[in-house]
């Protein structure tokens, strides 16, 4: 017996209303239906003194706290890996607790088993959201200190982080202006662009976000054609760091779940080769965990995936290294 059309219509209206209520909490939007990222409740990042940092025992080092699925945290993880900061900055991986809606810490660190508890121990106001990435120093004064928790600030701070090694400089002299220009384009149109597509409330808002994003990717591809191998030419920089976490999640997360599907990424051949080069850099592949991405995005974003079915995905290494069609 077919379902009565009146029942289907009523169900659609009811589901749309409930969906909008859920989305208000997950991803605020303006009156036109465009996703608006919440203002970051960030702490101004302050670089520790080299003399105080490099003589500590490893267990007393500051900790960079990241979540595997978070692209903003992925930026900081990449700088940590590429610059080899293990000797002066420990890495702490938090795990997403989908039911509680928070980041869990296991085993406990400084007596805390969640990121929220760490923030409270650092005397951060309860009104502030406990977000990754974060750098926490466990031995400042009489209580731990949150050194910083905003990714754009933290990647710059980590590029200057004290180390005994001769290491990579991701913001070379003379390139800061160009890096900042890329940051301005990429942040809104690509890094946030995927979320503006996924969290759009209506067709018009989605179409605008999607078109802007693919126009930005076209500009990146054209620039790489002239200035390869990296966004700023011969030097790997923070501009590349800020783009990679979004593009490495493209086929696995953003295209299927956030509808970033206007064109396949391989239609941008220079961008496709750039991603291959970046992925091949030492220690980059170990920062990429597709299963964690799938479980956290498809498992946590209930309004976008109410069935909670986590899809199977292709092997990341094979997918990245395949030659783009001519």
C-alpha atoms as a PDB file:
ATOM      1  CA  UNK A   1       0.000   0.000   0.000  1.00  0.00           C
ATOM      2  CA  UNK A   2       1.534   3.322  -1.020  1.00  0.00           C
ATOM      3  CA  UNK A   3       2.185   5.974   1.621  1.00  0.00           C
ATOM      4  CA  UNK A   4      -0.460   8.745   1.374  1.00  0.00           C
ATOM      5  CA  UNK A   5       0.907  11.901  -0.249  1.00  0.00           C
ATOM      6  CA  UNK A   6      -0.459  14.070   2.576  1.00  0.00           C
ATOM      7  CA  UNK A   7       1.583  12.036   5.070  1.00  0.00           C
ATOM      8  CA  UNK A   8       4.737  12.439   2.966  1.00  0.00           C
ATOM      9  CA  UNK A   9       4.187  16.191   2.647  1.00  0.00           C
ATOM     10  CA  UNK A  10       3.602  16.611   6.380  1.00  0.00           C
ATOM     11  CA  UNK A  11       6.669  14.519   7.182  1.00  0.00           C
ATOM     12  CA  UNK A  12       8.826  16.655   4.874  1.00  0.00           C
ATOM     13  CA  UNK A  13       7.653  19.870   6.507  1.00  0.00           C
ATOM     14  CA  UNK A  14       8.214  18.437   9.997  1.00  0.00           C
ATOM     15  CA  UNK A  15      11.650  17.095   9.168  1.00  0.00           C
ATOM     16  CA  UNK A  16      12.699  20.396   7.562  1.00  0.00           C
ATOM     17  CA  UNK A  17      11.636  22.288  10.699  1.00  0.00           C
ATOM     18  CA  UNK A  18      13.536  19.898  12.985  1.00  0.00           C
ATOM     19  CA  UNK A  19      16.570  20.024  10.691  1.00  0.00           C
ATOM     20  CA  UNK A  20      16.658  23.818  10.895  1.00  0.00           C
ATOM     21  CA  UNK A  21      16.482  23.674  14.703  1.00  0.00           C
ATOM     22  CA  UNK A  22      19.394  21.231  14.806  1.00  0.00           C
ATOM     23  CA  UNK A  23      21.428  23.308  12.378  1.00  0.00           C
ATOM     24  CA  UNK A  24      21.000  26.457  14.480  1.00  0.00           C
ATOM     25  CA  UNK A  25      23.026  24.808  17.197  1.00  0.00           C
ATOM     26  CA  UNK A  26      25.510  23.113  14.897  1.00  0.00           C
ATOM     27  CA  UNK A  27      26.214  25.877  12.389  1.00  0.00           C
ATOM     28  CA  UNK A  28      24.654  29.363  12.695  1.00  0.00           C
ATOM     29  CA  UNK A  29      23.549  31.089   9.483  1.00  0.00           C
ATOM     30  CA  UNK A  30      22.462  34.555   8.376  1.00  0.00           C
ATOM     31  CA  UNK A  31      18.979  35.412   7.110  1.00  0.00           C
ATOM     32  CA  UNK A  32      19.944  34.434   3.563  1.00  0.00           C
ATOM     33  CA  UNK A  33      20.960  30.943   4.693  1.00  0.00           C
ATOM     34  CA  UNK A  34      24.738  31.436   4.492  1.00  0.00           C
ATOM     35  CA  UNK A  35      26.790  29.635   7.124  1.00  0.00           C
ATOM     36  CA  UNK A  36      28.525  32.010   9.535  1.00  0.00           C
ATOM     37  CA  UNK A  37      31.510  30.643  11.436  1.00  0.00           C
ATOM     38  CA  UNK A  38      31.364  31.520  15.121  1.00  0.00           C
ATOM     39  CA  UNK A  39      33.886  34.088  16.300  1.00  0.00           C
ATOM     40  CA  UNK A  40      36.874  32.328  17.783  1.00  0.00           C
ATOM     41  CA  UNK A  41      37.241  32.689  21.564  1.00  0.00           C
ATOM     42  CA  UNK A  42      40.984  32.601  21.216  1.00  0.00           C
ATOM     43  CA  UNK A  43      43.815  33.361  23.564  1.00  0.00           C
ATOM     44  CA  UNK A  44      46.618  35.521  22.166  1.00  0.00           C
ATOM     45  CA  UNK A  45      49.454  33.089  21.471  1.00  0.00           C
ATOM     46  CA  UNK A  46      52.730  33.888  23.248  1.00  0.00           C
ATOM     47  CA  UNK A  47      56.010  32.177  22.391  1.00  0.00           C
ATOM     48  CA  UNK A  48      57.822  30.710  25.444  1.00  0.00           C
ATOM     49  CA  UNK A  49      61.369  31.853  26.121  1.00  0.00           C
ATOM     50  CA  UNK A  50      63.975  29.594  24.545  1.00  0.00           C
ATOM     51  CA  UNK A  51      66.164  29.533  27.658  1.00  0.00           C
ATOM     52  CA  UNK A  52      63.253  28.272  29.776  1.00  0.00           C
ATOM     53  CA  UNK A  53      62.046  25.706  27.288  1.00  0.00           C
ATOM     54  CA  UNK A  54      65.054  23.821  25.938  1.00  0.00           C
ATOM     55  CA  UNK A  55      66.431  22.776  29.330  1.00  0.00           C
ATOM     56  CA  UNK A  56      63.279  21.049  30.571  1.00  0.00           C
ATOM     57  CA  UNK A  57      62.790  17.308  30.935  1.00  0.00           C
ATOM     58  CA  UNK A  58      60.548  16.048  28.133  1.00  0.00           C
ATOM     59  CA  UNK A  59      57.626  15.223  30.429  1.00  0.00           C
ATOM     60  CA  UNK A  60      57.441  18.884  31.496  1.00  0.00           C
ATOM     61  CA  UNK A  61      57.313  20.248  27.956  1.00  0.00           C
ATOM     62  CA  UNK A  62      54.275  22.144  26.672  1.00  0.00           C
ATOM     63  CA  UNK A  63      51.767  19.960  24.849  1.00  0.00           C
ATOM     64  CA  UNK A  64      50.217  20.570  21.443  1.00  0.00           C
ATOM     65  CA  UNK A  65      46.710  19.124  21.735  1.00  0.00           C
ATOM     66  CA  UNK A  66      45.104  18.112  18.460  1.00  0.00           C
ATOM     67  CA  UNK A  67      42.200  16.037  17.177  1.00  0.00           C
ATOM     68  CA  UNK A  68      42.872  13.794  14.175  1.00  0.00           C
ATOM     69  CA  UNK A  69      39.734  14.818  12.307  1.00  0.00           C
ATOM     70  CA  UNK A  70      39.986  18.598  12.816  1.00  0.00           C
ATOM     71  CA  UNK A  71      41.515  20.362   9.771  1.00  0.00           C
ATOM     72  CA  UNK A  72      42.493  23.404  11.870  1.00  0.00           C
ATOM     73  CA  UNK A  73      44.397  21.171  14.283  1.00  0.00           C
ATOM     74  CA  UNK A  74      45.904  19.321  11.302  1.00  0.00           C
ATOM     75  CA  UNK A  75      47.690  22.536  10.288  1.00  0.00           C
ATOM     76  CA  UNK A  76      49.545  22.710  13.579  1.00  0.00           C
ATOM     77  CA  UNK A  77      50.319  18.991  13.528  1.00  0.00           C
ATOM     78  CA  UNK A  78      51.920  19.406  10.104  1.00  0.00           C
ATOM     79  CA  UNK A  79      54.205  22.207  11.330  1.00  0.00           C
ATOM     80  CA  UNK A  80      55.119  20.120  14.380  1.00  0.00           C
ATOM     81  CA  UNK A  81      56.047  17.194  12.133  1.00  0.00           C
ATOM     82  CA  UNK A  82      57.802  19.076   9.344  1.00  0.00           C
ATOM     83  CA  UNK A  83      59.922  21.124  11.747  1.00  0.00           C
ATOM     84  CA  UNK A  84      60.704  18.165  14.041  1.00  0.00           C
ATOM     85  CA  UNK A  85      59.585  19.830  17.287  1.00  0.00           C
ATOM     86  CA  UNK A  86      59.313  16.630  19.353  1.00  0.00           C
ATOM     87  CA  UNK A  87      62.188  17.553  21.666  1.00  0.00           C
ATOM     88  CA  UNK A  88      60.541  20.731  22.976  1.00  0.00           C
ATOM     89  CA  UNK A  89      56.825  20.251  22.295  1.00  0.00           C
ATOM     90  CA  UNK A  90      54.931  17.071  23.098  1.00  0.00           C
ATOM     91  CA  UNK A  91      51.986  15.935  20.992  1.00  0.00           C
ATOM     92  CA  UNK A  92      48.722  14.986  22.714  1.00  0.00           C
ATOM     93  CA  UNK A  93      45.922  13.519  20.593  1.00  0.00           C
ATOM     94  CA  UNK A  94      42.381  14.070  21.865  1.00  0.00           C
ATOM     95  CA  UNK A  95      39.542  11.819  20.738  1.00  0.00           C
ATOM     96  CA  UNK A  96      36.067  13.016  19.776  1.00  0.00           C
ATOM     97  CA  UNK A  97      33.284  11.879  22.114  1.00  0.00           C
ATOM     98  CA  UNK A  98      30.245  12.169  19.854  1.00  0.00           C
ATOM     99  CA  UNK A  99      27.651  11.575  22.568  1.00  0.00           C
ATOM    100  CA  UNK A 100      29.080  14.129  24.995  1.00  0.00           C
ATOM    101  CA  UNK A 101      30.083  16.542  22.250  1.00  0.00           C
ATOM    102  CA  UNK A 102      33.573  17.111  23.610  1.00  0.00           C
ATOM    103  CA  UNK A 103      37.211  16.090  23.224  1.00  0.00           C
ATOM    104  CA  UNK A 104      38.311  13.280  25.544  1.00  0.00           C
ATOM    105  CA  UNK A 105      41.864  12.800  26.843  1.00  0.00           C
ATOM    106  CA  UNK A 106      43.038   9.226  27.486  1.00  0.00           C
ATOM    107  CA  UNK A 107      45.076   8.506  29.454  1.00  0.00           C
ATOM    108  CA  UNK A 108      44.573  11.501  31.715  1.00  0.00           C
ATOM    109  CA  UNK A 109      46.992  14.405  31.496  1.00  0.00           C
ATOM    110  CA  UNK A 110      47.558  16.858  34.394  1.00  0.00           C
ATOM    111  CA  UNK A 111      44.675  15.092  36.119  1.00  0.00           C
ATOM    112  CA  UNK A 112      42.202  15.811  33.305  1.00  0.00           C
ATOM    113  CA  UNK A 113      40.323  13.396  31.067  1.00  0.00           C
ATOM    114  CA  UNK A 114      38.748  15.981  28.753  1.00  0.00           C
ATOM    115  CA  UNK A 115      39.844  19.110  26.936  1.00  0.00           C
ATOM    116  CA  UNK A 116      37.150  21.058  28.805  1.00  0.00           C
ATOM    117  CA  UNK A 117      38.774  20.090  32.124  1.00  0.00           C
ATOM    118  CA  UNK A 118      42.180  21.205  30.830  1.00  0.00           C
ATOM    119  CA  UNK A 119      40.745  24.588  29.838  1.00  0.00           C
ATOM    120  CA  UNK A 120      39.188  24.957  33.293  1.00  0.00           C
ATOM    121  CA  UNK A 121      42.481  24.040  34.953  1.00  0.00           C
ATOM    122  CA  UNK A 122      44.096  26.784  32.854  1.00  0.00           C
ATOM    123  CA  UNK A 123      41.497  29.181  34.338  1.00  0.00           C
ATOM    124  CA  UNK A 124      39.808  29.842  31.008  1.00  0.00           C
ATOM    125  CA  UNK A 125      36.237  31.185  31.480  1.00  0.00           C
ATOM    126  CA  UNK A 126      33.532  28.535  31.325  1.00  0.00           C
ATOM    127  CA  UNK A 127      31.833  30.509  28.558  1.00  0.00           C
ATOM    128  CA  UNK A 128      34.727  29.685  26.193  1.00  0.00           C
ATOM    129  CA  UNK A 129      34.429  26.586  24.031  1.00  0.00           C
ATOM    130  CA  UNK A 130      37.226  24.049  24.527  1.00  0.00           C
ATOM    131  CA  UNK A 131      38.608  23.685  21.013  1.00  0.00           C
ATOM    132  CA  UNK A 132      41.574  22.120  19.267  1.00  0.00           C
ATOM    133  CA  UNK A 133      44.281  22.916  18.443  1.00  0.00           C
ATOM    134  CA  UNK A 134      45.618  24.166  21.749  1.00  0.00           C
ATOM    135  CA  UNK A 135      49.080  24.495  23.265  1.00  0.00           C
ATOM    136  CA  UNK A 136      49.188  24.111  27.036  1.00  0.00           C
ATOM    137  CA  UNK A 137      52.241  24.634  29.252  1.00  0.00           C
ATOM    138  CA  UNK A 138      51.870  22.485  32.398  1.00  0.00           C
ATOM    139  CA  UNK A 139      54.337  24.356  34.659  1.00  0.00           C
ATOM    140  CA  UNK A 140      53.710  28.104  34.338  1.00  0.00           C
ATOM    141  CA  UNK A 141      53.330  29.734  37.782  1.00  0.00           C
ATOM    142  CA  UNK A 142      51.032  27.625  39.976  1.00  0.00           C
ATOM    143  CA  UNK A 143      48.713  26.244  37.321  1.00  0.00           C
ATOM    144  CA  UNK A 144      48.839  25.213  33.642  1.00  0.00           C
ATOM    145  CA  UNK A 145      48.679  27.953  31.023  1.00  0.00           C
ATOM    146  CA  UNK A 146      46.900  27.955  27.684  1.00  0.00           C
ATOM    147  CA  UNK A 147      49.575  29.368  25.364  1.00  0.00           C
ATOM    148  CA  UNK A 148      47.211  29.641  22.403  1.00  0.00           C
ATOM    149  CA  UNK A 149      44.233  27.988  20.706  1.00  0.00           C
ATOM    150  CA  UNK A 150      43.745  29.643  17.309  1.00  0.00           C
ATOM    151  CA  UNK A 151      45.275  27.749  14.393  1.00  0.00           C
ATOM    152  CA  UNK A 152      46.297  30.741  12.257  1.00  0.00           C
ATOM    153  CA  UNK A 153      48.251  32.167  15.205  1.00  0.00           C
ATOM    154  CA  UNK A 154      49.617  28.795  16.270  1.00  0.00           C
ATOM    155  CA  UNK A 155      51.135  27.844  12.907  1.00  0.00           C
ATOM    156  CA  UNK A 156      53.088  31.110  12.941  1.00  0.00           C
ATOM    157  CA  UNK A 157      54.128  30.552  16.551  1.00  0.00           C
ATOM    158  CA  UNK A 158      55.194  26.961  15.817  1.00  0.00           C
ATOM    159  CA  UNK A 159      57.300  28.207  12.905  1.00  0.00           C
ATOM    160  CA  UNK A 160      59.321  30.154  15.507  1.00  0.00           C
ATOM    161  CA  UNK A 161      59.168  27.485  18.220  1.00  0.00           C
ATOM    162  CA  UNK A 162      62.539  27.012  19.966  1.00  0.00           C
ATOM    163  CA  UNK A 163      64.467  23.908  18.981  1.00  0.00           C
ATOM    164  CA  UNK A 164      68.081  22.754  19.131  1.00  0.00           C
ATOM    165  CA  UNK A 165      67.872  21.574  15.518  1.00  0.00           C
ATOM    166  CA  UNK A 166      68.527  23.403  12.289  1.00  0.00           C
ATOM    167  CA  UNK A 167      65.063  23.172  10.827  1.00  0.00           C
ATOM    168  CA  UNK A 168      62.627  24.325   8.178  1.00  0.00           C
ATOM    169  CA  UNK A 169      61.455  27.952   8.004  1.00  0.00           C
ATOM    170  CA  UNK A 170      57.873  28.079   6.669  1.00  0.00           C
ATOM    171  CA  UNK A 171      57.714  31.877   6.562  1.00  0.00           C
ATOM    172  CA  UNK A 172      60.933  32.885   4.736  1.00  0.00           C
ATOM    173  CA  UNK A 173      62.072  36.491   4.537  1.00  0.00           C
ATOM    174  CA  UNK A 174      60.245  38.447   1.866  1.00  0.00           C
ATOM    175  CA  UNK A 175      57.306  36.045   1.531  1.00  0.00           C
ATOM    176  CA  UNK A 176      55.092  37.053   4.459  1.00  0.00           C
ATOM    177  CA  UNK A 177      52.963  39.403   2.340  1.00  0.00           C
ATOM    178  CA  UNK A 178      52.350  36.714  -0.265  1.00  0.00           C
ATOM    179  CA  UNK A 179      51.593  34.113   2.422  1.00  0.00           C
ATOM    180  CA  UNK A 180      49.063  36.495   4.009  1.00  0.00           C
ATOM    181  CA  UNK A 181      47.401  37.089   0.631  1.00  0.00           C
ATOM    182  CA  UNK A 182      46.958  33.346   0.138  1.00  0.00           C
ATOM    183  CA  UNK A 183      45.644  33.020   3.681  1.00  0.00           C
ATOM    184  CA  UNK A 184      42.962  35.638   3.016  1.00  0.00           C
ATOM    185  CA  UNK A 185      41.789  33.894  -0.163  1.00  0.00           C
ATOM    186  CA  UNK A 186      41.981  30.334   1.106  1.00  0.00           C
ATOM    187  CA  UNK A 187      40.449  30.886   4.542  1.00  0.00           C
ATOM    188  CA  UNK A 188      37.137  32.248   3.297  1.00  0.00           C
ATOM    189  CA  UNK A 189      36.722  30.575  -0.083  1.00  0.00           C
ATOM    190  CA  UNK A 190      38.263  27.126   0.500  1.00  0.00           C
ATOM    191  CA  UNK A 191      38.941  26.306   4.175  1.00  0.00           C
ATOM    192  CA  UNK A 192      35.630  27.825   5.253  1.00  0.00           C
ATOM    193  CA  UNK A 193      34.158  27.308   1.793  1.00  0.00           C
ATOM    194  CA  UNK A 194      33.641  23.585   2.301  1.00  0.00           C
ATOM    195  CA  UNK A 195      31.655  24.336   5.476  1.00  0.00           C
ATOM    196  CA  UNK A 196      29.681  27.075   3.730  1.00  0.00           C
ATOM    197  CA  UNK A 197      28.665  24.419   1.203  1.00  0.00           C
ATOM    198  CA  UNK A 198      27.900  21.723   3.755  1.00  0.00           C
ATOM    199  CA  UNK A 199      26.037  23.966   6.193  1.00  0.00           C
ATOM    200  CA  UNK A 200      24.150  26.122   3.653  1.00  0.00           C
ATOM    201  CA  UNK A 201      20.453  26.371   4.506  1.00  0.00           C
ATOM    202  CA  UNK A 202      19.143  26.654   0.968  1.00  0.00           C
ATOM    203  CA  UNK A 203      20.035  26.165  -2.686  1.00  0.00           C
ATOM    204  CA  UNK A 204      21.024  29.780  -3.269  1.00  0.00           C
ATOM    205  CA  UNK A 205      23.469  29.902  -0.344  1.00  0.00           C
ATOM    206  CA  UNK A 206      24.960  26.560  -1.392  1.00  0.00           C
ATOM    207  CA  UNK A 207      25.374  27.580  -5.027  1.00  0.00           C
ATOM    208  CA  UNK A 208      27.124  30.823  -4.107  1.00  0.00           C
ATOM    209  CA  UNK A 209      29.543  29.094  -1.725  1.00  0.00           C
ATOM    210  CA  UNK A 210      30.266  26.288  -4.187  1.00  0.00           C
ATOM    211  CA  UNK A 211      30.941  28.632  -7.110  1.00  0.00           C
ATOM    212  CA  UNK A 212      33.250  30.856  -5.028  1.00  0.00           C
ATOM    213  CA  UNK A 213      35.164  27.819  -3.802  1.00  0.00           C
ATOM    214  CA  UNK A 214      35.772  26.361  -7.250  1.00  0.00           C
ATOM    215  CA  UNK A 215      36.785  29.782  -8.607  1.00  0.00           C
ATOM    216  CA  UNK A 216      39.379  29.986  -5.814  1.00  0.00           C
ATOM    217  CA  UNK A 217      40.671  26.496  -6.651  1.00  0.00           C
ATOM    218  CA  UNK A 218      40.949  27.580 -10.282  1.00  0.00           C
ATOM    219  CA  UNK A 219      43.086  30.551  -9.221  1.00  0.00           C
ATOM    220  CA  UNK A 220      45.332  28.292  -7.135  1.00  0.00           C
ATOM    221  CA  UNK A 221      45.731  25.854 -10.016  1.00  0.00           C
ATOM    222  CA  UNK A 222      46.622  28.665 -12.440  1.00  0.00           C
ATOM    223  CA  UNK A 223      49.174  30.109 -10.006  1.00  0.00           C
ATOM    224  CA  UNK A 224      50.807  26.701  -9.510  1.00  0.00           C
ATOM    225  CA  UNK A 225      51.103  26.302 -13.283  1.00  0.00           C
ATOM    226  CA  UNK A 226      53.302  29.406 -13.356  1.00  0.00           C
ATOM    227  CA  UNK A 227      55.090  29.122  -9.979  1.00  0.00           C
ATOM    228  CA  UNK A 228      55.333  25.458  -8.999  1.00  0.00           C
ATOM    229  CA  UNK A 229      56.217  23.506  -6.983  1.00  0.00           C
ATOM    230  CA  UNK A 230      54.596  25.432  -4.082  1.00  0.00           C
ATOM    231  CA  UNK A 231      52.081  28.228  -3.704  1.00  0.00           C
ATOM    232  CA  UNK A 232      54.813  30.828  -3.182  1.00  0.00           C
ATOM    233  CA  UNK A 233      57.244  29.339  -5.681  1.00  0.00           C
ATOM    234  CA  UNK A 234      60.339  27.369  -4.674  1.00  0.00           C
ATOM    235  CA  UNK A 235      59.729  27.476  -0.905  1.00  0.00           C
ATOM    236  CA  UNK A 236      57.227  25.388   1.053  1.00  0.00           C
ATOM    237  CA  UNK A 237      55.407  27.903   3.257  1.00  0.00           C
ATOM    238  CA  UNK A 238      52.542  28.342   5.702  1.00  0.00           C
ATOM    239  CA  UNK A 239      50.307  29.019   2.688  1.00  0.00           C
ATOM    240  CA  UNK A 240      50.719  25.365   1.633  1.00  0.00           C
ATOM    241  CA  UNK A 241      50.194  24.227   5.231  1.00  0.00           C
ATOM    242  CA  UNK A 242      46.857  26.059   5.396  1.00  0.00           C
ATOM    243  CA  UNK A 243      45.521  24.498   2.192  1.00  0.00           C
ATOM    244  CA  UNK A 244      46.584  20.864   2.544  1.00  0.00           C
ATOM    245  CA  UNK A 245      44.251  19.728   5.400  1.00  0.00           C
ATOM    246  CA  UNK A 246      41.211  20.776   3.364  1.00  0.00           C
ATOM    247  CA  UNK A 247      42.306  19.180   0.098  1.00  0.00           C
ATOM    248  CA  UNK A 248      43.449  15.897   1.619  1.00  0.00           C
ATOM    249  CA  UNK A 249      39.911  15.386   3.006  1.00  0.00           C
ATOM    250  CA  UNK A 250      38.231  16.309  -0.274  1.00  0.00           C
ATOM    251  CA  UNK A 251      37.104  12.986  -1.807  1.00  0.00           C
ATOM    252  CA  UNK A 252      36.602  11.257   1.540  1.00  0.00           C
ATOM    253  CA  UNK A 253      34.654  13.940   3.436  1.00  0.00           C
ATOM    254  CA  UNK A 254      33.895  17.203   1.698  1.00  0.00           C
ATOM    255  CA  UNK A 255      32.698  15.943  -1.670  1.00  0.00           C
ATOM    256  CA  UNK A 256      30.250  13.282  -0.388  1.00  0.00           C
ATOM    257  CA  UNK A 257      29.108  14.837   2.902  1.00  0.00           C
ATOM    258  CA  UNK A 258      29.389  18.593   2.271  1.00  0.00           C
ATOM    259  CA  UNK A 259      28.368  18.422  -1.423  1.00  0.00           C
ATOM    260  CA  UNK A 260      31.639  19.923  -2.707  1.00  0.00           C
ATOM    261  CA  UNK A 261      30.983  18.019  -5.882  1.00  0.00           C
ATOM    262  CA  UNK A 262      30.611  20.526  -8.700  1.00  0.00           C
ATOM    263  CA  UNK A 263      33.776  19.120 -10.312  1.00  0.00           C
ATOM    264  CA  UNK A 264      36.286  16.408  -9.397  1.00  0.00           C
ATOM    265  CA  UNK A 265      39.525  17.703  -7.972  1.00  0.00           C
ATOM    266  CA  UNK A 266      41.556  16.137 -10.764  1.00  0.00           C
ATOM    267  CA  UNK A 267      40.284  18.729 -13.262  1.00  0.00           C
ATOM    268  CA  UNK A 268      42.885  20.995 -11.627  1.00  0.00           C
ATOM    269  CA  UNK A 269      46.034  19.108 -12.718  1.00  0.00           C
ATOM    270  CA  UNK A 270      48.556  21.430 -11.065  1.00  0.00           C
ATOM    271  CA  UNK A 271      46.673  21.334  -7.785  1.00  0.00           C
ATOM    272  CA  UNK A 272      46.412  17.560  -8.046  1.00  0.00           C
ATOM    273  CA  UNK A 273      50.200  17.255  -8.469  1.00  0.00           C
ATOM    274  CA  UNK A 274      50.758  19.770  -5.632  1.00  0.00           C
ATOM    275  CA  UNK A 275      48.747  17.543  -3.286  1.00  0.00           C
ATOM    276  CA  UNK A 276      50.800  14.522  -4.329  1.00  0.00           C
ATOM    277  CA  UNK A 277      54.053  16.413  -3.617  1.00  0.00           C
ATOM    278  CA  UNK A 278      52.855  17.574  -0.221  1.00  0.00           C
ATOM    279  CA  UNK A 279      51.614  14.130   0.813  1.00  0.00           C
ATOM    280  CA  UNK A 280      55.030  12.674  -0.124  1.00  0.00           C
ATOM    281  CA  UNK A 281      56.893  14.992   2.271  1.00  0.00           C
ATOM    282  CA  UNK A 282      58.473  13.200   5.267  1.00  0.00           C
ATOM    283  CA  UNK A 283      56.064  12.570   8.182  1.00  0.00           C
ATOM    284  CA  UNK A 284      53.033  14.051   6.411  1.00  0.00           C
ATOM    285  CA  UNK A 285      51.279  10.742   5.671  1.00  0.00           C
ATOM    286  CA  UNK A 286      51.243   9.809   9.372  1.00  0.00           C
ATOM    287  CA  UNK A 287      49.143  12.907  10.121  1.00  0.00           C
ATOM    288  CA  UNK A 288      46.397  11.630   7.783  1.00  0.00           C
ATOM    289  CA  UNK A 289      43.865   9.197   9.251  1.00  0.00           C
ATOM    290  CA  UNK A 290      40.884   8.695   6.905  1.00  0.00           C
ATOM    291  CA  UNK A 291      39.075   6.357   9.304  1.00  0.00           C
ATOM    292  CA  UNK A 292      39.140   8.953  12.070  1.00  0.00           C
ATOM    293  CA  UNK A 293      37.888  11.585   9.618  1.00  0.00           C
ATOM    294  CA  UNK A 294      35.023   9.344   8.510  1.00  0.00           C
ATOM    295  CA  UNK A 295      33.972   8.376  12.022  1.00  0.00           C
ATOM    296  CA  UNK A 296      34.068  11.933  13.347  1.00  0.00           C
ATOM    297  CA  UNK A 297      32.410  13.702  10.417  1.00  0.00           C
ATOM    298  CA  UNK A 298      29.804  11.105   9.468  1.00  0.00           C
ATOM    299  CA  UNK A 299      29.337   9.984  13.065  1.00  0.00           C
ATOM    300  CA  UNK A 300      29.094  13.401  14.730  1.00  0.00           C
ATOM    301  CA  UNK A 301      27.286  15.591  12.183  1.00  0.00           C
ATOM    302  CA  UNK A 302      23.861  14.064  12.728  1.00  0.00           C
ATOM    303  CA  UNK A 303      21.884  16.751  10.821  1.00  0.00           C
ATOM    304  CA  UNK A 304      23.931  16.000   7.687  1.00  0.00           C
ATOM    305  CA  UNK A 305      23.952  12.225   8.173  1.00  0.00           C
ATOM    306  CA  UNK A 306      20.955  11.155  10.288  1.00  0.00           C
ATOM    307  CA  UNK A 307      21.494   7.452   9.583  1.00  0.00           C
ATOM    308  CA  UNK A 308      24.972   7.620  11.176  1.00  0.00           C
ATOM    309  CA  UNK A 309      26.165   5.221   8.469  1.00  0.00           C
ATOM    310  CA  UNK A 310      29.931   5.624   8.032  1.00  0.00           C
ATOM    311  CA  UNK A 311      30.823   4.944   4.377  1.00  0.00           C
ATOM    312  CA  UNK A 312      33.707   2.879   3.152  1.00  0.00           C
ATOM    313  CA  UNK A 313      36.439   4.845   1.481  1.00  0.00           C
ATOM    314  CA  UNK A 314      39.245   4.213  -1.004  1.00  0.00           C
ATOM    315  CA  UNK A 315      42.811   3.602   0.096  1.00  0.00           C
ATOM    316  CA  UNK A 316      44.220   7.088   0.661  1.00  0.00           C
ATOM    317  CA  UNK A 317      47.712   6.401  -0.692  1.00  0.00           C
ATOM    318  CA  UNK A 318      46.369   4.850  -3.897  1.00  0.00           C
ATOM    319  CA  UNK A 319      43.850   7.658  -4.343  1.00  0.00           C
ATOM    320  CA  UNK A 320      46.441  10.398  -3.868  1.00  0.00           C
ATOM    321  CA  UNK A 321      49.023   8.864  -6.172  1.00  0.00           C
ATOM    322  CA  UNK A 322      46.795   7.958  -9.108  1.00  0.00           C
ATOM    323  CA  UNK A 323      47.501   9.956 -12.251  1.00  0.00           C
ATOM    324  CA  UNK A 324      44.824  12.482 -13.093  1.00  0.00           C
ATOM    325  CA  UNK A 325      43.034  11.806 -16.406  1.00  0.00           C
ATOM    326  CA  UNK A 326      44.291  13.875 -19.328  1.00  0.00           C
END
